[in-house]
């Protein structure tokens, strides 16, 4: 099973590495060109667009993933009818949204985003992301429902990421206006969206080869599941994004830009966790249905150790080179004053690494209601506390709340998982890894060395060799298991 998980995750990891390294440098380049204020405006507008994407998607991607594999196998006519209904709904909703947003943006600019100057035009352009994201969510779910994962990586990553990067570097030779970056993103997404619909229509199912729109009613169980997942997606969005949403309203754009940069830098350590989640979810569900808790416990411990062995050194290096990384985003060095915030957020990011796939276990092992309640509590309190403290403490309040709720959610998830199925991510090798890593983290925080260029290559290699030597026996055993 471990072999299956790692092999299936390889495409996602490859795509994420490719996307991250190019995307990271593109984002860094754009931030340096436009400045943190303009980037903060873009981040605020993008969060607004994501919110309406969640609201207007109506849980449709979840419905497709849950029901379409069966429909495609047993009733393609029913699948085609429902796809046509979904596409009609998405078209209608997108049209209404664009008309509505055109008229309400002046009001939002005056009464909601009063702290941000010259924001209405940027907000209007970025809002076009919402309809594109709705249709992109539908087509990606359709590809996933028929197990066309490589196609998603190919078109969604290996074509779109280089295209966006090339256009960005070309266009920003002549301008430093953030609007052009938004237009590039919209153009790239639209090209990929059209391409993916064309490929699916050609190779899997022709969407409108015949109109069967009215031939099948949407089943009641599908409607009920959609309502449940729709409510869940809204709560999860509020839990994850409410902090950023409130920042856009209550803080000036330069602070929002700084916060976005800090999340971008520290997010490097989580890319393996995100890819493992996509593959791990059905495995957890399958083993849980078989009541094979011994295998679940083994995989939980093993995957958590592997992920941490690969990513804890990344977290240490981010802290070690914090000044240099922040200076990379701003040549003036003005961002280095936020080094303490970067370190605190990075330490908070380590928490979900150490506890493994707690959220996935909650959803796939019969604890989805508890997970929903937990995320609702988090969303409620983070909104209330942010509104209370953000005006006085600004970015400090944001960072502290981020850490507190990261701890809160992961501890509660661990408690529920252990109580329900008596498993945990903690193994002897993981505890040894923690004992080895924490002194290195302390050294990384306290050091104040002036690095030369060659240090950026020597230190990462030396660090990974250090971990490789210490855990050589465990690495060899793992490699034998996955061969």
Protein backbone atom coordinates (compact mmCIF):
# COMPACT_ATOMS: atom_id res chain seq x y z
CA UNK A 1 0.00 0.00 0.00
CA UNK A 2 2.87 2.39 0.79
CA UNK A 3 4.32 1.63 -2.64
CA UNK A 4 0.97 2.45 -4.28
CA UNK A 5 0.65 5.75 -2.40
CA UNK A 6 4.15 6.93 -3.27
CA UNK A 7 3.92 5.93 -6.93
CA UNK A 8 0.50 7.53 -7.37
CA UNK A 9 1.71 10.71 -5.66
CA UNK A 10 4.73 11.01 -7.96
CA UNK A 11 2.84 12.80 -10.78
CA UNK A 12 1.40 15.30 -8.35
CA UNK A 13 4.77 15.90 -6.68
CA UNK A 14 6.48 16.37 -10.05
CA UNK A 15 3.79 18.84 -11.14
CA UNK A 16 3.93 20.70 -7.85
CA UNK A 17 7.72 21.00 -7.93
CA UNK A 18 7.59 22.31 -11.47
CA UNK A 19 4.73 24.69 -10.65
CA UNK A 20 6.27 25.87 -7.41
CA UNK A 21 9.76 26.71 -8.63
CA UNK A 22 8.57 28.60 -11.69
CA UNK A 23 5.59 30.15 -9.89
CA UNK A 24 7.74 31.22 -6.94
CA UNK A 25 10.18 33.12 -9.15
CA UNK A 26 7.37 34.63 -11.21
CA UNK A 27 5.63 35.84 -8.06
CA UNK A 28 8.90 37.18 -6.65
CA UNK A 29 9.62 39.00 -9.91
CA UNK A 30 6.15 40.58 -10.03
CA UNK A 31 6.27 41.66 -6.37
CA UNK A 32 9.64 43.32 -6.93
CA UNK A 33 8.28 45.08 -10.00
CA UNK A 34 4.95 46.31 -8.60
CA UNK A 35 5.80 46.65 -4.87
CA UNK A 36 4.10 45.28 -1.76
CA UNK A 37 1.26 47.82 -1.87
CA UNK A 38 0.07 46.80 -5.33
CA UNK A 39 0.61 43.14 -4.50
CA UNK A 40 -1.49 43.61 -1.37
CA UNK A 41 -4.28 45.06 -3.50
CA UNK A 42 -4.08 42.07 -5.84
CA UNK A 43 -4.15 39.62 -2.90
CA UNK A 44 -7.24 41.30 -1.46
CA UNK A 45 -9.04 41.24 -4.80
CA UNK A 46 -8.07 37.60 -5.34
CA UNK A 47 -9.46 36.59 -1.92
CA UNK A 48 -12.71 38.36 -2.83
CA UNK A 49 -12.86 36.41 -6.10
CA UNK A 50 -12.15 33.09 -4.32
CA UNK A 51 -14.98 33.77 -1.88
CA UNK A 52 -17.52 34.14 -4.68
CA UNK A 53 -16.05 31.14 -6.46
CA UNK A 54 -16.84 29.07 -3.35
CA UNK A 55 -20.32 30.58 -2.99
CA UNK A 56 -21.28 30.12 -6.65
CA UNK A 57 -19.80 26.64 -7.20
CA UNK A 58 -22.66 25.12 -5.15
CA UNK A 59 -20.52 22.11 -4.22
CA UNK A 60 -20.64 20.88 -7.84
CA UNK A 61 -17.00 19.60 -7.95
CA UNK A 62 -17.74 17.38 -4.93
CA UNK A 63 -20.88 16.01 -6.62
CA UNK A 64 -18.93 15.16 -9.77
CA UNK A 65 -16.20 13.35 -7.83
CA UNK A 66 -18.73 11.43 -5.74
CA UNK A 67 -21.26 10.31 -8.37
CA UNK A 68 -19.79 10.58 -11.86
CA UNK A 69 -17.48 7.52 -11.74
CA UNK A 70 -20.60 5.37 -11.28
CA UNK A 71 -22.67 7.32 -13.83
CA UNK A 72 -19.92 7.11 -16.45
CA UNK A 73 -19.76 3.33 -16.00
CA UNK A 74 -23.46 2.50 -15.74
CA UNK A 75 -25.50 5.35 -17.23
CA UNK A 76 -23.67 7.67 -19.61
CA UNK A 77 -26.95 9.22 -20.73
CA UNK A 78 -27.70 10.27 -17.17
CA UNK A 79 -24.13 11.55 -16.79
CA UNK A 80 -24.48 13.60 -20.00
CA UNK A 81 -27.82 15.05 -18.89
CA UNK A 82 -26.43 16.14 -15.52
CA UNK A 83 -23.27 17.58 -17.12
CA UNK A 84 -25.45 19.68 -19.43
CA UNK A 85 -27.48 20.93 -16.44
CA UNK A 86 -24.28 21.76 -14.56
CA UNK A 87 -22.80 23.68 -17.50
CA UNK A 88 -26.04 25.60 -18.00
CA UNK A 89 -26.15 26.50 -14.30
CA UNK A 90 -22.50 27.59 -14.33
CA UNK A 91 -23.10 29.78 -17.41
CA UNK A 92 -26.20 31.39 -15.92
CA UNK A 93 -24.59 32.02 -12.52
CA UNK A 94 -21.43 33.46 -14.11
CA UNK A 95 -23.46 35.84 -16.28
CA UNK A 96 -25.50 37.10 -13.31
CA UNK A 97 -22.35 37.47 -11.18
CA UNK A 98 -20.53 39.59 -13.77
CA UNK A 99 -23.53 41.89 -14.19
CA UNK A 100 -23.99 42.20 -10.43
CA UNK A 101 -20.32 42.85 -9.72
CA UNK A 102 -20.20 45.62 -12.31
CA UNK A 103 -22.84 47.59 -10.39
CA UNK A 104 -21.84 46.85 -6.78
CA UNK A 105 -18.07 47.41 -7.07
CA UNK A 106 -18.36 51.21 -6.61
CA UNK A 107 -20.24 50.54 -3.35
CA UNK A 108 -17.64 48.01 -2.21
CA UNK A 109 -14.87 50.45 -3.03
CA UNK A 110 -16.49 53.20 -0.96
CA UNK A 111 -17.89 51.31 2.04
CA UNK A 112 -16.02 47.99 2.36
CA UNK A 113 -12.51 48.56 0.97
CA UNK A 114 -12.27 52.16 2.09
CA UNK A 115 -8.62 51.68 3.18
CA UNK A 116 -7.49 50.88 -0.37
CA UNK A 117 -7.08 53.68 -2.90
CA UNK A 118 -7.86 53.19 -6.61
CA UNK A 119 -9.15 49.67 -6.05
CA UNK A 120 -12.41 49.40 -7.99
CA UNK A 121 -10.92 48.77 -11.45
CA UNK A 122 -8.49 46.12 -10.17
CA UNK A 123 -11.31 44.43 -8.22
CA UNK A 124 -13.50 44.36 -11.33
CA UNK A 125 -10.79 42.77 -13.51
CA UNK A 126 -9.78 40.20 -10.87
CA UNK A 127 -13.46 39.27 -10.38
CA UNK A 128 -13.42 37.75 -13.87
CA UNK A 129 -11.41 34.98 -12.22
CA UNK A 130 -14.60 33.78 -10.52
CA UNK A 131 -16.47 32.46 -13.62
CA UNK A 132 -13.26 30.97 -14.99
CA UNK A 133 -12.59 29.24 -11.65
CA UNK A 134 -16.13 27.86 -11.56
CA UNK A 135 -15.72 26.23 -14.98
CA UNK A 136 -12.16 25.12 -14.15
CA UNK A 137 -13.40 23.38 -11.00
CA UNK A 138 -16.00 21.51 -13.08
CA UNK A 139 -13.58 20.29 -15.77
CA UNK A 140 -10.86 19.27 -13.29
CA UNK A 141 -13.45 17.27 -11.32
CA UNK A 142 -14.60 15.60 -14.54
CA UNK A 143 -11.03 14.59 -15.39
CA UNK A 144 -10.48 13.29 -11.84
CA UNK A 145 -13.75 11.34 -11.95
CA UNK A 146 -12.44 9.30 -14.90
CA UNK A 147 -8.92 9.06 -13.39
CA UNK A 148 -7.25 11.31 -15.97
CA UNK A 149 -4.77 12.72 -13.44
CA UNK A 150 -1.86 13.03 -15.87
CA UNK A 151 -3.96 15.22 -18.14
CA UNK A 152 -4.65 17.62 -15.28
CA UNK A 153 -0.93 17.91 -14.53
CA UNK A 154 -0.02 18.22 -18.21
CA UNK A 155 -2.47 20.99 -19.14
CA UNK A 156 -2.93 22.60 -15.73
CA UNK A 157 0.79 22.72 -14.91
CA UNK A 158 3.27 21.87 -17.66
CA UNK A 159 1.53 24.10 -20.20
CA UNK A 160 -0.08 26.85 -18.12
CA UNK A 161 2.82 27.60 -15.76
CA UNK A 162 5.50 28.19 -18.47
CA UNK A 163 2.99 30.14 -20.58
CA UNK A 164 2.19 32.45 -17.67
CA UNK A 165 5.88 32.84 -16.82
CA UNK A 166 6.94 33.69 -20.38
CA UNK A 167 4.14 36.22 -20.83
CA UNK A 168 4.89 37.81 -17.45
CA UNK A 169 8.61 38.29 -18.14
CA UNK A 170 7.90 39.64 -21.61
CA UNK A 171 5.15 42.07 -20.62
CA UNK A 172 6.91 43.37 -17.51
CA UNK A 173 9.84 44.50 -19.59
CA UNK A 174 7.57 47.38 -20.61
CA UNK A 175 5.33 47.98 -17.58
CA UNK A 176 5.05 47.59 -13.82
CA UNK A 177 1.25 47.77 -13.62
CA UNK A 178 -0.33 44.88 -11.66
CA UNK A 179 -3.34 44.99 -14.02
CA UNK A 180 -1.20 43.42 -16.75
CA UNK A 181 -0.32 40.50 -14.47
CA UNK A 182 -4.05 39.94 -13.84
CA UNK A 183 -4.74 40.02 -17.58
CA UNK A 184 -1.94 37.49 -18.17
CA UNK A 185 -3.41 35.17 -15.55
CA UNK A 186 -6.90 35.49 -17.02
CA UNK A 187 -5.63 34.82 -20.53
CA UNK A 188 -3.59 31.78 -19.42
CA UNK A 189 -6.46 30.27 -17.43
CA UNK A 190 -8.88 30.84 -20.30
CA UNK A 191 -6.57 29.13 -22.81
CA UNK A 192 -6.09 26.11 -20.52
CA UNK A 193 -9.81 26.00 -19.72
CA UNK A 194 -10.78 25.90 -23.41
CA UNK A 195 -8.08 23.30 -24.11
CA UNK A 196 -9.20 21.00 -21.28
CA UNK A 197 -12.87 21.20 -22.28
CA UNK A 198 -11.92 20.43 -25.86
CA UNK A 199 -9.80 17.41 -24.83
CA UNK A 200 -12.54 16.03 -22.55
CA UNK A 201 -15.20 16.63 -25.17
CA UNK A 202 -13.09 14.90 -27.82
CA UNK A 203 -11.74 11.92 -25.87
CA UNK A 204 -14.22 11.17 -23.08
CA UNK A 205 -17.71 12.56 -23.66
CA UNK A 206 -19.16 15.00 -26.15
CA UNK A 207 -21.04 17.54 -24.06
CA UNK A 208 -23.58 18.59 -26.68
CA UNK A 209 -23.51 15.86 -29.31
CA UNK A 210 -27.16 15.41 -28.39
CA UNK A 211 -29.34 17.38 -26.02
CA UNK A 212 -30.60 15.22 -23.15
CA UNK A 213 -30.93 18.14 -20.78
CA UNK A 214 -34.51 17.29 -19.72
CA UNK A 215 -34.34 13.52 -20.00
CA UNK A 216 -33.16 12.87 -16.45
CA UNK A 217 -33.98 14.58 -13.18
CA UNK A 218 -31.19 15.15 -10.69
CA UNK A 219 -31.51 12.34 -8.08
CA UNK A 220 -32.51 13.29 -4.54
CA UNK A 221 -29.41 11.73 -2.99
CA UNK A 222 -27.24 13.79 -5.33
CA UNK A 223 -29.08 16.97 -4.33
CA UNK A 224 -28.76 16.20 -0.62
CA UNK A 225 -25.08 15.36 -0.93
CA UNK A 226 -24.52 18.57 -2.91
CA UNK A 227 -26.23 20.65 -0.20
CA UNK A 228 -24.12 19.04 2.51
CA UNK A 229 -20.85 19.55 0.63
CA UNK A 230 -21.84 23.09 -0.32
CA UNK A 231 -22.32 24.00 3.32
CA UNK A 232 -19.03 22.28 4.14
CA UNK A 233 -17.13 24.15 1.43
CA UNK A 234 -18.40 27.52 2.70
CA UNK A 235 -17.44 26.71 6.29
CA UNK A 236 -14.02 25.44 5.21
CA UNK A 237 -13.46 28.57 3.13
CA UNK A 238 -14.35 30.81 6.07
CA UNK A 239 -12.09 28.75 8.31
CA UNK A 240 -9.14 29.00 5.92
CA UNK A 241 -9.65 32.40 4.30
CA UNK A 242 -11.63 34.57 6.72
CA UNK A 243 -8.41 35.97 8.17
CA UNK A 244 -7.22 37.11 4.74
CA UNK A 245 -10.67 38.43 3.87
CA UNK A 246 -10.82 40.62 7.00
CA UNK A 247 -7.26 41.83 6.41
CA UNK A 248 -8.34 43.17 3.03
CA UNK A 249 -10.98 45.28 4.71
CA UNK A 250 -9.18 46.45 7.86
CA UNK A 251 -5.47 46.72 7.00
CA UNK A 252 -3.66 48.89 4.43
CA UNK A 253 -2.54 47.05 1.27
CA UNK A 254 1.18 47.09 2.15
CA UNK A 255 0.50 44.98 5.27
CA UNK A 256 -1.66 42.61 3.26
CA UNK A 257 1.13 42.29 0.72
CA UNK A 258 3.64 41.48 3.47
CA UNK A 259 1.34 38.83 4.96
CA UNK A 260 0.89 37.25 1.53
CA UNK A 261 4.65 37.14 1.02
CA UNK A 262 5.17 35.48 4.42
CA UNK A 263 2.60 32.80 3.58
CA UNK A 264 4.17 32.26 0.17
CA UNK A 265 7.64 31.72 1.62
CA UNK A 266 6.57 29.42 4.45
CA UNK A 267 4.16 27.51 2.20
CA UNK A 268 7.15 25.90 0.48
CA UNK A 269 7.32 23.33 3.27
CA UNK A 270 3.75 22.07 2.70
CA UNK A 271 3.75 21.12 -0.98
CA UNK A 272 4.39 17.40 -0.31
CA UNK A 273 1.63 17.34 2.31
CA UNK A 274 -0.88 18.72 -0.21
CA UNK A 275 0.02 16.15 -2.86
CA UNK A 276 -0.09 13.24 -0.45
CA UNK A 277 -3.58 14.31 0.62
CA UNK A 278 -5.01 13.78 -2.88
CA UNK A 279 -3.78 10.19 -3.06
CA UNK A 280 -4.10 9.30 0.61
CA UNK A 281 -7.81 10.16 0.92
CA UNK A 282 -9.25 7.17 -1.02
CA UNK A 283 -6.72 4.83 0.63
CA UNK A 284 -7.86 5.93 4.10
CA UNK A 285 -11.49 5.51 3.09
CA UNK A 286 -10.89 2.01 1.71
CA UNK A 287 -8.94 0.78 4.75
CA UNK A 288 -11.43 2.34 7.14
CA UNK A 289 -14.32 0.55 5.44
CA UNK A 290 -12.40 -2.73 5.85
CA UNK A 291 -11.74 -1.84 9.52
CA UNK A 292 -8.05 -2.47 8.87
CA UNK A 293 -6.83 -0.13 11.59
CA UNK A 294 -3.43 -1.81 11.91
CA UNK A 295 -2.62 -0.95 8.29
CA UNK A 296 -4.03 2.54 8.76
CA UNK A 297 -1.82 3.09 11.79
CA UNK A 298 1.23 1.81 9.93
CA UNK A 299 0.63 4.06 6.91
CA UNK A 300 -0.13 7.07 9.10
CA UNK A 301 3.17 6.72 10.94
CA UNK A 302 5.22 5.84 7.87
CA UNK A 303 3.93 8.62 5.59
CA UNK A 304 4.22 11.22 8.37
CA UNK A 305 7.86 10.27 8.93
CA UNK A 306 8.68 10.35 5.20
CA UNK A 307 7.04 13.75 4.69
CA UNK A 308 8.83 15.23 7.69
CA UNK A 309 12.20 13.78 6.70
CA UNK A 310 11.88 15.53 3.34
CA UNK A 311 10.31 18.81 4.46
CA UNK A 312 11.68 19.63 7.93
CA UNK A 313 15.08 20.47 6.38
CA UNK A 314 13.24 22.87 4.05
CA UNK A 315 11.64 24.59 7.05
CA UNK A 316 15.05 24.83 8.76
CA UNK A 317 16.61 26.35 5.64
CA UNK A 318 13.84 28.93 5.34
CA UNK A 319 14.49 30.07 8.90
CA UNK A 320 18.27 29.90 8.38
CA UNK A 321 18.17 32.12 5.27
CA UNK A 322 15.20 34.26 6.40
CA UNK A 323 16.97 37.61 5.90
CA UNK A 324 18.20 36.65 2.44
CA UNK A 325 14.83 35.30 1.33
CA UNK A 326 12.99 38.43 2.48
CA UNK A 327 15.58 40.62 0.74
CA UNK A 328 14.97 38.63 -2.43
CA UNK A 329 11.38 39.92 -2.45
CA UNK A 330 12.47 43.52 -1.85
CA UNK A 331 15.90 44.72 -2.97
CA UNK A 332 15.71 47.63 -0.52
CA UNK A 333 15.74 45.18 2.40
CA UNK A 334 12.67 46.76 3.99
CA UNK A 335 10.97 43.37 4.46
CA UNK A 336 13.70 42.05 6.79
CA UNK A 337 11.98 43.77 9.74
CA UNK A 338 9.31 41.07 9.39
CA UNK A 339 11.80 38.26 10.00
CA UNK A 340 10.31 37.44 13.46
CA UNK A 341 6.87 37.07 11.87
CA UNK A 342 8.32 34.81 9.17
CA UNK A 343 9.93 32.58 11.80
CA UNK A 344 6.73 32.38 13.87
CA UNK A 345 4.60 31.44 10.85
CA UNK A 346 7.21 28.89 9.74
CA UNK A 347 7.14 27.27 13.18
CA UNK A 348 3.34 27.17 12.96
CA UNK A 349 3.57 25.54 9.52
CA UNK A 350 5.67 22.75 11.06
CA UNK A 351 2.73 21.69 13.25
CA UNK A 352 0.63 20.11 10.45
CA UNK A 353 3.79 18.41 9.18
CA UNK A 354 4.39 16.73 12.53
CA UNK A 355 0.82 15.53 13.00
CA UNK A 356 0.40 14.27 9.42
CA UNK A 357 -2.85 14.03 7.47
CA UNK A 358 -5.21 14.78 10.36
CA UNK A 359 -7.76 16.65 8.25
CA UNK A 360 -7.88 13.87 5.66
CA UNK A 361 -8.39 11.25 8.36
CA UNK A 362 -11.23 13.27 9.87
CA UNK A 363 -13.08 13.47 6.55
CA UNK A 364 -12.38 9.95 5.27
CA UNK A 365 -12.65 7.95 8.51
CA UNK A 366 -16.17 8.77 9.61
CA UNK A 367 -15.41 12.00 11.45
CA UNK A 368 -16.52 14.45 8.78
CA UNK A 369 -19.25 15.93 11.01
CA UNK A 370 -16.74 16.54 13.82
CA UNK A 371 -14.36 18.13 11.28
CA UNK A 372 -17.12 20.41 10.03
CA UNK A 373 -18.01 21.46 13.58
CA UNK A 374 -14.34 22.08 14.38
CA UNK A 375 -13.85 24.24 11.28
CA UNK A 376 -17.03 26.17 12.09
CA UNK A 377 -15.75 26.90 15.61
CA UNK A 378 -12.40 27.99 14.17
CA UNK A 379 -14.06 30.26 11.60
CA UNK A 380 -16.36 31.82 14.20
CA UNK A 381 -13.65 32.61 16.75
CA UNK A 382 -11.03 33.70 14.25
CA UNK A 383 -13.48 36.24 12.79
CA UNK A 384 -14.46 37.57 16.24
CA UNK A 385 -10.91 37.74 17.59
CA UNK A 386 -9.56 39.30 14.41
CA UNK A 387 -12.17 42.04 14.54
CA UNK A 388 -11.28 42.70 18.22
CA UNK A 389 -7.48 42.76 17.98
CA UNK A 390 -6.49 43.65 14.43
CA UNK A 391 -7.07 47.39 14.66
CA UNK A 392 -4.72 47.75 17.64
CA UNK A 393 -2.08 45.09 16.97
CA UNK A 394 -2.17 44.96 13.14
CA UNK A 395 0.01 42.23 11.62
CA UNK A 396 1.14 40.95 15.04
CA UNK A 397 -2.46 39.99 15.84
CA UNK A 398 -2.76 38.17 12.53
CA UNK A 399 0.40 36.13 13.10
CA UNK A 400 -0.52 35.19 16.67
CA UNK A 401 -4.05 34.15 15.69
CA UNK A 402 -2.62 32.10 12.84
CA UNK A 403 -0.38 30.16 15.25
CA UNK A 404 -3.02 29.72 17.96
CA UNK A 405 -5.63 28.30 15.61
CA UNK A 406 -3.09 26.08 13.84
CA UNK A 407 -2.32 24.51 17.23
CA UNK A 408 -5.98 24.37 18.25
CA UNK A 409 -7.25 22.61 15.13
CA UNK A 410 -4.45 20.04 14.89
CA UNK A 411 -4.57 19.08 18.58
CA UNK A 412 -8.33 18.59 18.48
CA UNK A 413 -8.06 16.55 15.27
CA UNK A 414 -5.42 14.30 16.84
CA UNK A 415 -7.65 13.79 19.88
CA UNK A 416 -10.68 12.79 17.81
CA UNK A 417 -8.68 10.44 15.57
CA UNK A 418 -7.08 8.65 18.51
CA UNK A 419 -10.38 8.44 20.37
CA UNK A 420 -12.23 7.05 17.33
CA UNK A 421 -9.76 4.61 15.75
CA UNK A 422 -6.83 4.50 18.20
CA UNK A 423 -4.10 5.56 15.78
CA UNK A 424 -1.53 8.37 15.83
CA UNK A 425 1.25 9.71 13.58
CA UNK A 426 3.95 9.45 16.24
CA UNK A 427 6.57 6.75 15.82
CA UNK A 428 10.03 6.19 17.28
CA UNK A 429 11.71 7.45 14.10
CA UNK A 430 9.50 10.57 13.98
CA UNK A 431 10.33 11.40 17.60
CA UNK A 432 14.03 10.95 16.82
CA UNK A 433 13.61 13.23 13.80
CA UNK A 434 12.01 15.88 16.02
CA UNK A 435 14.83 15.60 18.58
CA UNK A 436 17.42 16.07 15.81
CA UNK A 437 15.55 18.93 14.13
CA UNK A 438 14.71 21.21 17.02
CA UNK A 439 18.32 22.06 17.98
CA UNK A 440 18.93 22.89 14.30
CA UNK A 441 15.85 25.12 14.29
CA UNK A 442 17.18 26.93 17.38
CA UNK A 443 20.58 27.45 15.72
CA UNK A 444 18.79 28.73 12.57
CA UNK A 445 16.82 31.27 14.60
CA UNK A 446 19.77 32.57 16.61
CA UNK A 447 22.44 32.74 13.85
CA UNK A 448 23.45 36.10 12.37
CA UNK A 449 25.96 35.11 9.72
CA UNK A 450 26.76 37.02 6.53
CA UNK A 451 26.48 34.46 3.77
CA UNK A 452 28.40 34.20 0.53
CA UNK A 453 26.73 32.98 -2.66
CA UNK A 454 28.20 29.47 -2.43
CA UNK A 455 26.62 28.99 1.01
CA UNK A 456 23.19 28.79 -0.62
CA UNK A 457 24.29 25.51 -2.25
CA UNK A 458 26.66 24.04 0.34
CA UNK A 459 24.41 24.42 3.41
CA UNK A 460 21.27 22.74 1.91
CA UNK A 461 23.36 19.83 0.58
CA UNK A 462 25.15 19.45 3.92
CA UNK A 463 21.85 19.55 5.83
CA UNK A 464 20.22 16.82 3.72
CA UNK A 465 23.39 14.71 3.93
CA UNK A 466 23.30 15.11 7.70
CA UNK A 467 19.71 13.84 7.88
CA UNK A 468 20.48 11.14 5.33
CA UNK A 469 23.37 9.75 7.39
CA UNK A 470 21.45 9.80 10.67
CA UNK A 471 18.38 8.07 9.21
CA UNK A 472 20.22 5.96 6.61
CA UNK A 473 18.94 2.65 8.01
CA UNK A 474 15.30 3.80 8.01
CA UNK A 475 15.65 5.24 4.48
CA UNK A 476 17.04 1.92 3.16
CA UNK A 477 14.16 -0.04 4.72
CA UNK A 478 11.62 2.36 3.19
CA UNK A 479 13.22 2.13 -0.25
CA UNK A 480 13.00 -1.68 -0.07
CA UNK A 481 9.28 -1.44 0.71
CA UNK A 482 8.43 0.72 -2.26
CA UNK A 483 10.51 -1.13 -4.88
